[in-house]
Protein backbone atom coordinates (compact mmCIF):
# COMPACT_ATOMS: atom_id res chain seq x y z
CA MET A 1 0.28 0.21 0.11
CA VAL A 2 1.13 3.69 -1.37
CA ALA A 3 0.58 6.53 1.06
CA LEU A 4 1.44 10.15 1.26
CA THR A 5 3.30 11.10 4.72
CA ASP A 6 1.78 13.43 7.04
CA GLU A 7 5.02 16.07 5.64
CA GLY A 8 3.75 15.22 1.60
CA ARG A 9 0.16 16.49 2.19
CA GLY A 10 1.98 19.27 4.26
CA GLY A 11 3.57 19.45 1.29
CA LEU A 12 1.21 19.58 -1.55
CA LEU A 13 -1.29 21.81 0.69
CA ARG A 14 1.72 23.91 1.11
CA ILE A 15 1.57 24.63 -2.92
CA GLY A 16 -2.30 25.02 -3.02
CA MET A 17 -3.86 21.75 -3.28
CA SER A 18 -7.49 21.48 -1.66
CA LEU A 19 -7.99 18.45 0.59
CA ARG A 20 -10.50 17.00 -2.39
CA GLU A 21 -7.70 17.34 -4.93
CA ILE A 22 -5.00 15.44 -2.51
CA GLU A 23 -7.99 11.98 -1.15
CA VAL A 24 -8.10 12.12 -5.41
CA LEU A 25 -3.62 12.24 -5.60
CA GLU A 26 -3.55 9.56 -2.61
CA ALA A 27 -6.32 7.25 -4.18
CA SER A 28 -3.95 6.86 -7.48
CA LEU A 29 -1.33 5.89 -6.01
CA ASN A 30 -2.48 2.73 -5.08
CA HIS A 31 -3.69 2.14 -8.76
CA ALA A 32 -6.96 3.65 -8.59
CA SER A 33 -9.14 4.48 -11.87
CA ASN A 34 -11.23 6.94 -11.93
CA ASN A 35 -13.70 5.85 -11.45
CA GLN A 36 -12.73 3.68 -8.14
CA ILE A 37 -11.90 7.00 -7.10
CA GLY A 38 -15.08 8.63 -7.93
CA GLU A 39 -16.68 5.54 -6.14
CA LYS A 40 -14.31 6.04 -3.13
CA LEU A 41 -14.34 9.46 -2.55
CA PHE A 42 -18.44 9.77 -3.83
CA ILE A 43 -17.78 11.86 -6.15
CA THR A 44 -18.47 11.80 -10.74
CA GLN A 45 -16.01 10.87 -13.33
CA LYS A 46 -16.11 14.24 -14.20
CA THR A 47 -15.80 15.83 -10.55
CA VAL A 48 -12.54 13.69 -10.61
CA LYS A 49 -10.92 14.19 -14.09
CA PHE A 50 -11.72 18.16 -12.86
CA HIS A 51 -9.60 17.30 -9.78
CA TRP A 52 -6.91 15.85 -12.35
CA THR A 53 -6.75 19.00 -14.25
CA ASN A 54 -5.90 20.70 -10.75
CA ILE A 55 -3.67 18.46 -9.49
CA TYR A 56 -1.40 18.79 -13.14
CA LYS A 57 -1.92 22.59 -12.94
CA LYS A 58 -0.51 22.73 -9.39
CA VAL A 59 2.51 20.58 -9.34
CA ALA A 60 3.62 21.78 -12.75
CA VAL A 61 3.60 25.31 -10.97
CA VAL A 62 5.96 24.17 -9.08
CA THR A 63 8.08 21.18 -11.40
CA GLY A 64 8.00 23.13 -15.21
CA LYS A 65 6.94 19.39 -15.98
CA ARG A 66 3.65 19.06 -17.94
CA GLY A 67 1.99 15.82 -18.85
CA ALA A 68 3.47 12.59 -17.63
CA ARG A 69 1.76 10.84 -14.59
CA SER A 70 5.61 9.58 -14.01
CA ASP A 71 7.02 12.64 -13.54
CA LEU A 72 4.32 13.41 -10.84
CA TRP A 73 5.69 10.33 -9.50
CA ILE A 74 9.53 10.90 -9.63
CA TRP A 75 8.59 14.91 -7.89
CA LEU A 76 6.70 13.06 -5.16
CA THR A 77 9.12 10.23 -4.53
CA ALA A 78 11.79 13.24 -4.96
CA ASN A 79 10.53 15.49 -1.52
CA ARG A 80 9.64 12.51 0.55
CA TYR A 81 5.76 12.75 -0.19
CA ILE A 82 5.22 9.29 -0.44
CA ALA A 83 5.62 6.13 1.87
CA ASN A 84 6.76 2.34 0.12
CA THR A 85 8.22 3.82 -3.48
CA ARG A 86 8.93 0.42 -4.23
CA GLU A 87 5.72 0.49 -5.69
CA ILE A 88 5.72 3.57 -7.35
CA VAL A 89 8.73 2.34 -9.52
CA THR A 90 7.14 -0.87 -10.40
CA TYR A 91 4.68 1.23 -11.88
CA ARG A 92 6.34 3.46 -13.64
CA ALA A 93 8.31 0.76 -15.19
CA THR A 94 4.84 -0.91 -16.65
CA GLU A 95 3.45 2.45 -17.82
CA PRO A 96 6.10 4.79 -19.02
CA GLY A 97 5.15 7.74 -19.97
CA ASP A 98 1.35 7.87 -18.81
CA LEU A 99 -0.24 11.19 -18.48
CA ILE A 100 -2.32 12.22 -15.72
CA PRO A 101 -5.86 10.32 -15.53
CA GLY A 102 -8.16 12.08 -16.96
CA PHE A 103 -5.92 15.54 -17.89
CA LYS A 104 -6.13 16.49 -22.07
CA LYS A 105 -3.66 17.97 -23.99
């Protein structure tokens, strides 16, 4: 199980993420689909995608990188915002270059 650390939640709040965006991000760390995230948080898939767009924008402002989910995981890992990074590395290796769920260029 992969989870955000307390330090990670604080860091994400400092860059302007809402608590709901953090919940969406944390649910995705364990490979939940947008549909599964919506069911878990009692929100529609459209709302999940809306949160992903906001997450993407906020992280892009901080990192200067746009689009790749693997960049998001690398940033979270580098800042020690997540625990049990072994699963993150495995995920990156199996699906490199995946876009953040719900993000469309």
